[in-house]
């Protein structure tokens, strides 16, 4: 798969990242088919349905060249809600892809799949992609499940997936912690495009962030997909550090990759 797929299903198209990508992906040559449980203003052709609606999901998947799966609960929630939206919902998506013969998925995983991994000390080695799953929440647990499900569907059914452990994708970083895991919207679009067009993806797990000066993790598998990040959070560092101070090993929110998700996770809905 070297040519850009023409039609891509974008689930979670009304969410924060989905909204950004609706603007940034079409210039790469994609026609986006939008899917979300919420109506999307200005998008009358968007499919409004839940991931539990397997008939609607299969119809949404039909005749697309690839899928970007952003849908689901993006913060902590009771396990029953995470189970329905993130675990069963992702399984339904892969079943629809299998049934309709779609062979490329980009799965929005998260750093919270390994959130209890200690953050690197200054000058220490970057966190490798093959670090064991250490979820910090039910949300993080669901992202680890999604990675493993993608691996299974590659081995059993030949569906390739790039599982992208997204840090924080916002127009600009909003905390000192985010300086290390920030993914600019433009770099997010670059990484998604690379993930959709790379050869021989199989099941590839990659950390998803910009080329930040304070980067905590290894971007080698993302770069192997063809990703060439252009942005760096350091532009915002002085202002954020002046307002919030440097990260401290005495603060339990600062000691692990998952940040506050390890101590007092933000709850869904936010």
Protein backbone atom coordinates (compact mmCIF):
# COMPACT_ATOMS: atom_id res chain seq x y z
CA UNK A 1 0.00 0.00 0.00
CA UNK A 2 1.99 2.97 -1.28
CA UNK A 3 -0.68 5.19 -2.80
CA UNK A 4 -2.83 7.29 -0.50
CA UNK A 5 -6.22 5.61 0.02
CA UNK A 6 -8.87 7.80 -1.49
CA UNK A 7 -11.75 7.18 0.93
CA UNK A 8 -11.08 6.90 4.67
CA UNK A 9 -13.62 6.31 7.42
CA UNK A 10 -12.94 8.66 10.34
CA UNK A 11 -14.67 7.50 13.51
CA UNK A 12 -14.99 9.94 16.39
CA UNK A 13 -15.13 12.72 13.82
CA UNK A 14 -16.90 15.12 16.21
CA UNK A 15 -14.24 14.77 18.93
CA UNK A 16 -11.29 17.01 19.60
CA UNK A 17 -8.74 15.23 17.41
CA UNK A 18 -11.37 14.27 14.86
CA UNK A 19 -12.42 17.89 14.43
CA UNK A 20 -8.83 18.93 13.81
CA UNK A 21 -8.26 16.11 11.31
CA UNK A 22 -11.41 16.94 9.34
CA UNK A 23 -9.58 20.07 8.23
CA UNK A 24 -6.02 18.77 7.99
CA UNK A 25 -6.36 15.40 6.22
CA UNK A 26 -8.23 16.30 3.00
CA UNK A 27 -5.24 18.27 1.61
CA UNK A 28 -3.35 14.95 1.56
CA UNK A 29 -5.88 13.69 -0.95
CA UNK A 30 -8.36 11.87 1.29
CA UNK A 31 -12.11 11.90 1.04
CA UNK A 32 -13.31 11.44 4.60
CA UNK A 33 -16.42 9.53 5.54
CA UNK A 34 -17.37 10.85 8.97
CA UNK A 35 -18.81 8.73 11.79
CA UNK A 36 -19.77 9.80 15.31
CA UNK A 37 -22.56 9.22 17.78
CA UNK A 38 -23.11 12.99 17.81
CA UNK A 39 -24.31 15.04 14.82
CA UNK A 40 -21.57 17.13 13.24
CA UNK A 41 -22.51 20.72 12.41
CA UNK A 42 -22.08 21.53 8.75
CA UNK A 43 -21.63 17.86 7.77
CA UNK A 44 -25.05 16.63 6.63
CA UNK A 45 -23.57 13.45 5.12
CA UNK A 46 -21.87 12.37 8.35
CA UNK A 47 -23.06 9.06 9.77
CA UNK A 48 -24.59 9.52 13.21
CA UNK A 49 -24.52 6.18 15.01
CA UNK A 50 -23.04 4.35 17.99
CA UNK A 51 -20.31 1.74 17.71
CA UNK A 52 -22.83 -0.68 19.20
CA UNK A 53 -24.94 -0.32 16.05
CA UNK A 54 -23.22 -3.03 14.05
CA UNK A 55 -25.42 -2.62 10.98
CA UNK A 56 -24.67 1.10 10.74
CA UNK A 57 -21.00 0.47 11.40
CA UNK A 58 -20.74 -2.13 8.67
CA UNK A 59 -22.45 0.22 6.23
CA UNK A 60 -20.01 2.96 7.24
CA UNK A 61 -17.04 0.67 6.59
CA UNK A 62 -18.31 -0.58 3.23
CA UNK A 63 -16.17 0.49 0.24
CA UNK A 64 -13.65 2.51 2.22
CA UNK A 65 -9.93 2.07 1.61
CA UNK A 66 -8.90 2.46 5.24
CA UNK A 67 -10.16 3.43 8.70
CA UNK A 68 -8.90 5.92 11.27
CA UNK A 69 -10.45 4.85 14.56
CA UNK A 70 -10.65 7.75 17.02
CA UNK A 71 -14.08 7.00 18.50
CA UNK A 72 -14.60 6.07 22.13
CA UNK A 73 -14.37 7.45 25.63
CA UNK A 74 -11.16 9.47 25.97
CA UNK A 75 -11.00 9.86 29.76
CA UNK A 76 -11.62 7.62 32.75
CA UNK A 77 -15.13 6.24 33.28
CA UNK A 78 -16.81 3.31 35.04
CA UNK A 79 -15.63 0.00 33.60
CA UNK A 80 -19.05 -0.82 32.16
CA UNK A 81 -18.96 2.34 30.03
CA UNK A 82 -15.37 1.74 28.93
CA UNK A 83 -16.27 -1.86 28.10
CA UNK A 84 -19.14 -0.85 25.85
CA UNK A 85 -17.52 2.08 24.05
CA UNK A 86 -13.82 1.26 23.88
CA UNK A 87 -13.55 -2.52 24.12
CA UNK A 88 -16.72 -3.87 22.54
CA UNK A 89 -16.89 -0.88 20.19
CA UNK A 90 -13.36 -1.48 18.88
CA UNK A 91 -14.13 -5.17 18.43
CA UNK A 92 -17.22 -4.25 16.42
CA UNK A 93 -15.10 -1.98 14.23
CA UNK A 94 -12.59 -4.72 13.46
CA UNK A 95 -15.35 -7.19 12.72
CA UNK A 96 -16.88 -4.72 10.28
CA UNK A 97 -13.48 -4.22 8.64
CA UNK A 98 -13.03 -7.98 8.33
CA UNK A 99 -16.50 -8.48 6.89
CA UNK A 100 -16.06 -5.69 4.33
CA UNK A 101 -12.49 -6.52 3.35
CA UNK A 102 -10.80 -3.36 4.68
CA UNK A 103 -7.10 -4.07 5.13
CA UNK A 104 -5.69 -0.97 6.86
CA UNK A 105 -6.68 0.57 10.20
CA UNK A 106 -5.06 3.36 12.16
CA UNK A 107 -6.00 2.89 15.81
CA UNK A 108 -5.82 5.77 18.27
CA UNK A 109 -4.11 4.15 21.21
CA UNK A 110 -2.74 6.24 24.07
CA UNK A 111 0.24 6.77 26.32
CA UNK A 112 -2.14 5.69 29.09
CA UNK A 113 -1.77 2.07 27.93
CA UNK A 114 1.65 2.32 29.60
CA UNK A 115 0.79 5.15 31.98
CA UNK A 116 2.35 3.65 35.12
CA UNK A 117 5.73 3.47 33.39
CA UNK A 118 8.09 5.85 35.25
CA UNK A 119 8.87 8.92 33.22
CA UNK A 120 12.51 9.21 32.17
CA UNK A 121 14.85 11.25 34.32
CA UNK A 122 16.75 14.03 32.55
CA UNK A 123 19.30 12.49 30.22
CA UNK A 124 18.04 8.92 30.63
CA UNK A 125 17.03 6.64 27.78
CA UNK A 126 13.70 7.20 26.03
CA UNK A 127 10.80 4.87 26.82
CA UNK A 128 10.83 2.09 24.19
CA UNK A 129 7.79 1.00 22.22
CA UNK A 130 8.09 -2.55 23.56
CA UNK A 131 7.73 -1.47 27.18
CA UNK A 132 5.09 -3.74 28.79
CA UNK A 133 1.53 -2.52 29.11
CA UNK A 134 1.07 -0.71 32.43
CA UNK A 135 -2.34 0.94 32.14
CA UNK A 136 -3.14 3.74 34.55
CA UNK A 137 -6.95 3.57 34.27
CA UNK A 138 -9.76 1.51 32.76
CA UNK A 139 -9.33 3.88 29.82
CA UNK A 140 -5.66 2.93 29.50
CA UNK A 141 -6.61 -0.73 29.88
CA UNK A 142 -8.96 -0.40 26.92
CA UNK A 143 -6.17 1.03 24.77
CA UNK A 144 -3.91 -1.89 25.61
CA UNK A 145 -6.78 -4.18 24.62
CA UNK A 146 -7.13 -2.32 21.33
CA UNK A 147 -3.45 -2.83 20.54
CA UNK A 148 -3.72 -6.55 21.29
CA UNK A 149 -6.92 -6.84 19.26
CA UNK A 150 -5.17 -5.19 16.32
CA UNK A 151 -2.32 -7.68 16.66
CA UNK A 152 -4.81 -10.57 16.64
CA UNK A 153 -6.63 -9.32 13.56
CA UNK A 154 -3.31 -8.94 11.73
CA UNK A 155 -2.27 -12.50 12.55
CA UNK A 156 -5.69 -14.07 11.95
CA UNK A 157 -7.17 -11.94 9.18
CA UNK A 158 -4.37 -9.93 7.57
CA UNK A 159 -5.75 -6.54 8.64
CA UNK A 160 -2.81 -4.17 9.10
CA UNK A 161 -2.91 -1.63 11.91
CA UNK A 162 -0.75 1.21 13.09
CA UNK A 163 -1.54 1.59 16.79
CA UNK A 164 -0.54 5.14 17.68
CA UNK A 165 0.03 5.92 21.36
CA UNK A 166 -1.06 9.53 21.21
CA UNK A 167 0.27 11.90 23.82
CA UNK A 168 -1.70 15.17 23.84
CA UNK A 169 -2.94 16.55 20.53
CA UNK A 170 -3.86 20.19 20.98
CA UNK A 171 -3.06 23.36 19.05
CA UNK A 172 -0.52 24.16 21.77
CA UNK A 173 0.67 22.44 24.97
CA UNK A 174 -1.11 23.55 28.14
CA UNK A 175 1.13 22.07 30.86
CA UNK A 176 4.79 21.43 31.58
CA UNK A 177 4.18 17.66 31.37
CA UNK A 178 2.69 18.16 27.93
CA UNK A 179 5.96 19.64 26.68
CA UNK A 180 7.26 16.05 26.54
CA UNK A 181 4.28 14.34 24.89
CA UNK A 182 2.69 17.07 22.75
CA UNK A 183 1.53 16.16 19.26
CA UNK A 184 0.78 19.22 17.16
CA UNK A 185 -2.29 18.91 14.93
CA UNK A 186 -0.11 19.32 11.82
CA UNK A 187 2.20 16.53 12.98
CA UNK A 188 -0.82 14.38 13.81
CA UNK A 189 -1.99 14.69 10.21
CA UNK A 190 1.54 13.85 9.01
CA UNK A 191 1.61 10.73 11.18
CA UNK A 192 -1.85 9.58 10.12
CA UNK A 193 -0.92 10.04 6.46
CA UNK A 194 2.29 8.07 6.97
CA UNK A 195 0.35 5.31 8.77
CA UNK A 196 -2.16 5.07 5.95
CA UNK A 197 0.42 4.85 3.17
CA UNK A 198 3.38 2.94 4.64
CA UNK A 199 4.30 -0.47 3.27
CA UNK A 200 4.29 -3.64 5.35
CA UNK A 201 2.76 -2.21 8.51
CA UNK A 202 1.61 -5.55 9.88
CA UNK A 203 0.85 -4.48 13.42
CA UNK A 204 3.05 -1.54 14.30
CA UNK A 205 2.90 0.23 17.66
CA UNK A 206 4.26 3.77 17.60
CA UNK A 207 4.41 6.64 20.03
CA UNK A 208 2.70 9.71 18.63
CA UNK A 209 4.18 13.09 19.41
CA UNK A 210 6.02 15.93 17.78
CA UNK A 211 9.82 16.17 17.75
CA UNK A 212 9.87 17.74 21.19
CA UNK A 213 13.15 18.78 22.79
CA UNK A 214 11.91 17.21 26.08
CA UNK A 215 10.62 14.03 24.41
CA UNK A 216 10.10 11.07 26.77
CA UNK A 217 9.68 8.22 24.31
CA UNK A 218 11.17 6.57 21.27
CA UNK A 219 9.75 7.70 17.92
CA UNK A 220 11.71 5.18 15.83
CA UNK A 221 8.72 3.04 14.81
CA UNK A 222 6.74 6.17 13.90
CA UNK A 223 9.65 7.36 11.76
CA UNK A 224 9.89 3.91 10.17
CA UNK A 225 6.32 4.43 8.92
CA UNK A 226 7.56 7.53 7.10
CA UNK A 227 6.64 10.09 9.76
CA UNK A 228 8.75 13.24 9.73
CA UNK A 229 7.63 15.48 12.61
CA UNK A 230 8.16 19.19 12.09
CA UNK A 231 7.08 20.79 15.36
CA UNK A 232 8.64 21.15 18.82
CA UNK A 233 6.88 22.13 22.05
CA UNK A 234 9.97 23.99 23.25
CA UNK A 235 8.51 27.13 21.71
CA UNK A 236 6.04 27.18 24.62
CA UNK A 237 8.37 25.98 27.38
CA UNK A 238 9.49 29.24 28.97
CA UNK A 239 5.94 30.56 29.36
CA UNK A 240 4.60 27.30 30.81
CA UNK A 241 7.50 26.80 33.22
CA UNK A 242 7.20 30.40 34.44
CA UNK A 243 3.53 29.82 35.22
CA UNK A 244 3.66 26.23 36.56
CA UNK A 245 7.25 25.48 37.55
CA UNK A 246 9.36 22.52 36.48
CA UNK A 247 8.21 18.92 36.99
CA UNK A 248 9.08 17.56 40.44
CA UNK A 249 9.86 14.00 41.52
CA UNK A 250 8.14 14.88 44.82
CA UNK A 251 4.82 15.35 43.04
CA UNK A 252 3.12 11.98 42.37
CA UNK A 253 1.45 13.44 39.28
CA UNK A 254 4.90 13.98 37.77
CA UNK A 255 6.56 10.62 38.40
CA UNK A 256 4.85 8.45 35.78
CA UNK A 257 4.14 8.74 32.09
CA UNK A 258 0.40 8.91 32.69
CA UNK A 259 0.57 12.01 34.89
CA UNK A 260 -2.64 12.77 36.78
CA UNK A 261 -4.28 9.66 35.30
CA UNK A 262 -2.17 7.71 37.81
CA UNK A 263 -3.42 9.70 40.82
CA UNK A 264 -6.70 11.50 40.12
CA UNK A 265 -7.77 10.82 36.53
CA UNK A 266 -10.07 13.23 34.75
CA UNK A 267 -13.49 11.71 34.37
CA UNK A 268 -15.78 11.32 31.38
CA UNK A 269 -17.61 13.43 30.35
CA UNK A 270 -15.12 16.22 30.96
